[in-house]
Amino acid sequence: MATQYITFTIAGGLYGLEVMQVEETLGHLPRTPVPLAPQGVAGLVNLRGQVVTAIDVRPRLGVAPLAPHQESMMVVVSHAGESMSLLVDEVGEVLTVDEADFEPAPPTLSDDVRALVGGAYKLDGRLLLAFDVAVAVGA
């Protein structure tokens, strides 16, 4: 059986979310900081009147924050009835992968990355890491 993934990159890694988990993808939008927010909460975003929490997963992946002059893009996901925005470096394309090609996350990945992905798909010369939304949003 085939599944479609929306792809995105963070610090050079290729990640994907099942299309059905994604509400929309957006360019950079201004965020309102949240005082005393836990690490990873990058602020609040107003999406057409709906306030959405922006989650920066870079700290959870163990990678450095984006440089001040770089702007992140957003992948808006729905989890447990709530919309949240994951900050990513760049949104890619929609890929169709065969579920038979799904494998556990390789042991060569860091523990931080392995904690946020459910497994991987081998593509031509790259790995598509299947992102686990529930873990990423702290559920």
C-alpha atoms as a PDB file:
ATOM      1  CA  MET A   1       0.000   0.000   0.000  1.00  0.00           C
ATOM      2  CA  ALA A   2       1.254   3.489  -0.830  1.00  0.00           C
ATOM      3  CA  THR A   3       1.230   6.493   1.489  1.00  0.00           C
ATOM      4  CA  GLN A   4       1.837  10.135   0.661  1.00  0.00           C
ATOM      5  CA  TYR A   5       4.192  12.243   2.757  1.00  0.00           C
ATOM      6  CA  ILE A   6       4.738  15.984   2.740  1.00  0.00           C
ATOM      7  CA  THR A   7       8.474  16.445   3.043  1.00  0.00           C
ATOM      8  CA  PHE A   8      10.465  19.115   4.831  1.00  0.00           C
ATOM      9  CA  THR A   9      14.022  19.706   5.910  1.00  0.00           C
ATOM     10  CA  ILE A  10      15.484  20.638   9.267  1.00  0.00           C
ATOM     11  CA  ALA A  11      19.270  21.110   9.519  1.00  0.00           C
ATOM     12  CA  GLY A  12      19.798  19.134   6.315  1.00  0.00           C
ATOM     13  CA  GLY A  13      17.709  16.135   7.389  1.00  0.00           C
ATOM     14  CA  LEU A  14      14.767  15.056   5.217  1.00  0.00           C
ATOM     15  CA  TYR A  15      11.600  14.451   7.209  1.00  0.00           C
ATOM     16  CA  GLY A  16       8.032  13.710   6.264  1.00  0.00           C
ATOM     17  CA  LEU A  17       4.527  13.735   7.654  1.00  0.00           C
ATOM     18  CA  GLU A  18       1.626  11.782   6.260  1.00  0.00           C
ATOM     19  CA  VAL A  19      -0.463  14.108   4.118  1.00  0.00           C
ATOM     20  CA  MET A  20      -3.565  13.397   6.222  1.00  0.00           C
ATOM     21  CA  GLN A  21      -1.824  14.839   9.311  1.00  0.00           C
ATOM     22  CA  VAL A  22      -1.062  18.168   7.623  1.00  0.00           C
ATOM     23  CA  GLU A  23      -3.579  21.000   7.468  1.00  0.00           C
ATOM     24  CA  GLU A  24      -1.412  23.373   5.441  1.00  0.00           C
ATOM     25  CA  THR A  25       2.108  24.604   4.802  1.00  0.00           C
ATOM     26  CA  LEU A  26       3.033  28.271   5.107  1.00  0.00           C
ATOM     27  CA  GLY A  27       5.961  30.575   4.683  1.00  0.00           C
ATOM     28  CA  HIS A  28       7.323  32.592   7.559  1.00  0.00           C
ATOM     29  CA  LEU A  29       4.730  34.359   9.710  1.00  0.00           C
ATOM     30  CA  PRO A  30       5.356  36.655  12.676  1.00  0.00           C
ATOM     31  CA  ARG A  31       5.142  34.970  16.070  1.00  0.00           C
ATOM     32  CA  THR A  32       4.149  36.441  19.397  1.00  0.00           C
ATOM     33  CA  PRO A  33       6.527  35.261  22.151  1.00  0.00           C
ATOM     34  CA  VAL A  34       5.055  33.424  25.124  1.00  0.00           C
ATOM     35  CA  PRO A  35       6.706  34.436  28.423  1.00  0.00           C
ATOM     36  CA  LEU A  36       8.020  31.500  30.461  1.00  0.00           C
ATOM     37  CA  ALA A  37       7.071  29.027  27.708  1.00  0.00           C
ATOM     38  CA  PRO A  38       8.793  25.648  27.771  1.00  0.00           C
ATOM     39  CA  GLN A  39      11.731  25.040  25.469  1.00  0.00           C
ATOM     40  CA  GLY A  40      10.528  24.431  21.951  1.00  0.00           C
ATOM     41  CA  VAL A  41       7.509  26.732  22.121  1.00  0.00           C
ATOM     42  CA  ALA A  42       8.511  29.425  19.659  1.00  0.00           C
ATOM     43  CA  GLY A  43       5.417  31.558  20.148  1.00  0.00           C
ATOM     44  CA  LEU A  44       1.870  31.986  18.937  1.00  0.00           C
ATOM     45  CA  VAL A  45       0.770  32.565  15.350  1.00  0.00           C
ATOM     46  CA  ASN A  46      -2.502  34.068  14.157  1.00  0.00           C
ATOM     47  CA  LEU A  47      -3.777  31.982  11.240  1.00  0.00           C
ATOM     48  CA  ARG A  48      -6.835  33.764   9.903  1.00  0.00           C
ATOM     49  CA  GLY A  49      -8.175  34.415  13.396  1.00  0.00           C
ATOM     50  CA  GLN A  50      -7.131  31.068  14.882  1.00  0.00           C
ATOM     51  CA  VAL A  51      -4.301  31.226  17.439  1.00  0.00           C
ATOM     52  CA  VAL A  52      -1.853  28.377  16.862  1.00  0.00           C
ATOM     53  CA  THR A  53       1.180  27.382  18.933  1.00  0.00           C
ATOM     54  CA  ALA A  54       4.429  27.362  16.950  1.00  0.00           C
ATOM     55  CA  ILE A  55       6.728  24.497  17.938  1.00  0.00           C
ATOM     56  CA  ASP A  56      10.455  24.660  17.172  1.00  0.00           C
ATOM     57  CA  VAL A  57      11.680  21.062  17.069  1.00  0.00           C
ATOM     58  CA  ARG A  58      15.313  21.999  16.431  1.00  0.00           C
ATOM     59  CA  PRO A  59      16.201  21.855  20.173  1.00  0.00           C
ATOM     60  CA  ARG A  60      14.567  18.406  20.439  1.00  0.00           C
ATOM     61  CA  LEU A  61      16.581  17.235  17.436  1.00  0.00           C
ATOM     62  CA  GLY A  62      19.777  18.457  19.081  1.00  0.00           C
ATOM     63  CA  VAL A  63      20.576  20.976  16.336  1.00  0.00           C
ATOM     64  CA  ALA A  64      21.474  24.641  16.600  1.00  0.00           C
ATOM     65  CA  PRO A  65      18.800  27.303  16.176  1.00  0.00           C
ATOM     66  CA  LEU A  66      18.425  29.028  12.834  1.00  0.00           C
ATOM     67  CA  ALA A  67      20.634  32.063  12.351  1.00  0.00           C
ATOM     68  CA  PRO A  68      18.833  35.353  13.105  1.00  0.00           C
ATOM     69  CA  HIS A  69      18.676  36.277   9.401  1.00  0.00           C
ATOM     70  CA  GLN A  70      17.073  32.939   8.422  1.00  0.00           C
ATOM     71  CA  GLU A  71      13.311  32.519   8.462  1.00  0.00           C
ATOM     72  CA  SER A  72      11.558  29.243   9.108  1.00  0.00           C
ATOM     73  CA  MET A  73       8.563  27.882   7.254  1.00  0.00           C
ATOM     74  CA  MET A  74       5.571  26.250   8.936  1.00  0.00           C
ATOM     75  CA  VAL A  75       3.819  22.915   8.646  1.00  0.00           C
ATOM     76  CA  VAL A  76       0.457  23.171  10.372  1.00  0.00           C
ATOM     77  CA  VAL A  77      -0.658  19.840  11.810  1.00  0.00           C
ATOM     78  CA  SER A  78      -3.667  18.672  13.717  1.00  0.00           C
ATOM     79  CA  HIS A  79      -3.154  16.536  16.795  1.00  0.00           C
ATOM     80  CA  ALA A  80      -5.758  15.605  19.388  1.00  0.00           C
ATOM     81  CA  GLY A  81      -8.163  18.128  17.899  1.00  0.00           C
ATOM     82  CA  GLU A  82      -5.728  21.029  18.159  1.00  0.00           C
ATOM     83  CA  SER A  83      -3.805  22.780  15.388  1.00  0.00           C
ATOM     84  CA  MET A  84      -0.102  23.396  15.909  1.00  0.00           C
ATOM     85  CA  SER A  85       2.614  24.728  13.661  1.00  0.00           C
ATOM     86  CA  LEU A  86       5.940  22.936  13.355  1.00  0.00           C
ATOM     87  CA  LEU A  87       8.783  25.231  12.351  1.00  0.00           C
ATOM     88  CA  VAL A  88      10.888  23.761   9.555  1.00  0.00           C
ATOM     89  CA  ASP A  89      13.740  25.053   7.431  1.00  0.00           C
ATOM     90  CA  GLU A  90      12.049  24.358   4.120  1.00  0.00           C
ATOM     91  CA  VAL A  91       8.930  22.575   2.871  1.00  0.00           C
ATOM     92  CA  GLY A  92       9.602  20.135   0.048  1.00  0.00           C
ATOM     93  CA  GLU A  93       7.407  18.051  -2.179  1.00  0.00           C
ATOM     94  CA  VAL A  94       4.746  15.404  -1.675  1.00  0.00           C
ATOM     95  CA  LEU A  95       6.241  11.939  -2.091  1.00  0.00           C
ATOM     96  CA  THR A  96       4.418   8.650  -2.477  1.00  0.00           C
ATOM     97  CA  VAL A  97       6.177   5.829  -0.638  1.00  0.00           C
ATOM     98  CA  ASP A  98       5.408   2.139  -0.408  1.00  0.00           C
ATOM     99  CA  GLU A  99       4.637   0.970   3.130  1.00  0.00           C
ATOM    100  CA  ALA A 100       6.610  -2.205   2.372  1.00  0.00           C
ATOM    101  CA  ASP A 101       9.735  -0.009   2.278  1.00  0.00           C
ATOM    102  CA  PHE A 102       9.197   1.288   5.830  1.00  0.00           C
ATOM    103  CA  GLU A 103      11.990   0.376   8.252  1.00  0.00           C
ATOM    104  CA  PRO A 104      12.772   1.173  11.885  1.00  0.00           C
ATOM    105  CA  ALA A 105      14.879   4.282  12.414  1.00  0.00           C
ATOM    106  CA  PRO A 106      18.528   3.386  11.741  1.00  0.00           C
ATOM    107  CA  PRO A 107      20.754   3.046  14.804  1.00  0.00           C
ATOM    108  CA  THR A 108      23.198   5.517  13.224  1.00  0.00           C
ATOM    109  CA  LEU A 109      20.797   8.391  13.965  1.00  0.00           C
ATOM    110  CA  SER A 110      21.283  10.325  17.178  1.00  0.00           C
ATOM    111  CA  ASP A 111      19.040   9.431  20.100  1.00  0.00           C
ATOM    112  CA  ASP A 112      17.390  12.866  19.796  1.00  0.00           C
ATOM    113  CA  VAL A 113      16.399  12.235  16.189  1.00  0.00           C
ATOM    114  CA  ARG A 114      15.344   8.627  16.830  1.00  0.00           C
ATOM    115  CA  ALA A 115      12.980   9.861  19.556  1.00  0.00           C
ATOM    116  CA  LEU A 116      11.080  12.049  17.053  1.00  0.00           C
ATOM    117  CA  VAL A 117      10.748   9.658  14.136  1.00  0.00           C
ATOM    118  CA  GLY A 118       8.747   6.488  13.782  1.00  0.00           C
ATOM    119  CA  GLY A 119      10.985   4.998  11.109  1.00  0.00           C
ATOM    120  CA  ALA A 120      12.468   5.639   7.696  1.00  0.00           C
ATOM    121  CA  TYR A 121      12.029   5.077   3.979  1.00  0.00           C
ATOM    122  CA  LYS A 122      15.046   4.604   1.706  1.00  0.00           C
ATOM    123  CA  LEU A 123      14.933   6.943  -1.268  1.00  0.00           C
ATOM    124  CA  ASP A 124      17.519   7.460  -4.003  1.00  0.00           C
ATOM    125  CA  GLY A 125      20.569   8.353  -1.957  1.00  0.00           C
ATOM    126  CA  ARG A 126      18.598   9.735   1.029  1.00  0.00           C
ATOM    127  CA  LEU A 127      16.472   8.675   3.938  1.00  0.00           C
ATOM    128  CA  LEU A 128      12.990  10.032   4.472  1.00  0.00           C
ATOM    129  CA  LEU A 129      12.465  10.068   8.225  1.00  0.00           C
ATOM    130  CA  ALA A 130       8.806   9.645   9.178  1.00  0.00           C
ATOM    131  CA  PHE A 131       8.116  12.320  11.783  1.00  0.00           C
ATOM    132  CA  ASP A 132       6.009  11.383  14.833  1.00  0.00           C
ATOM    133  CA  VAL A 133       3.635  14.311  15.430  1.00  0.00           C
ATOM    134  CA  ALA A 134       2.532  13.149  18.883  1.00  0.00           C
ATOM    135  CA  VAL A 135       6.117  13.151  20.173  1.00  0.00           C
ATOM    136  CA  ALA A 136       7.015  16.401  18.425  1.00  0.00           C
ATOM    137  CA  VAL A 137       4.177  18.359  20.007  1.00  0.00           C
ATOM    138  CA  GLY A 138       4.847  16.856  23.412  1.00  0.00           C
ATOM    139  CA  ALA A 139       1.706  14.730  23.660  1.00  0.00           C
END
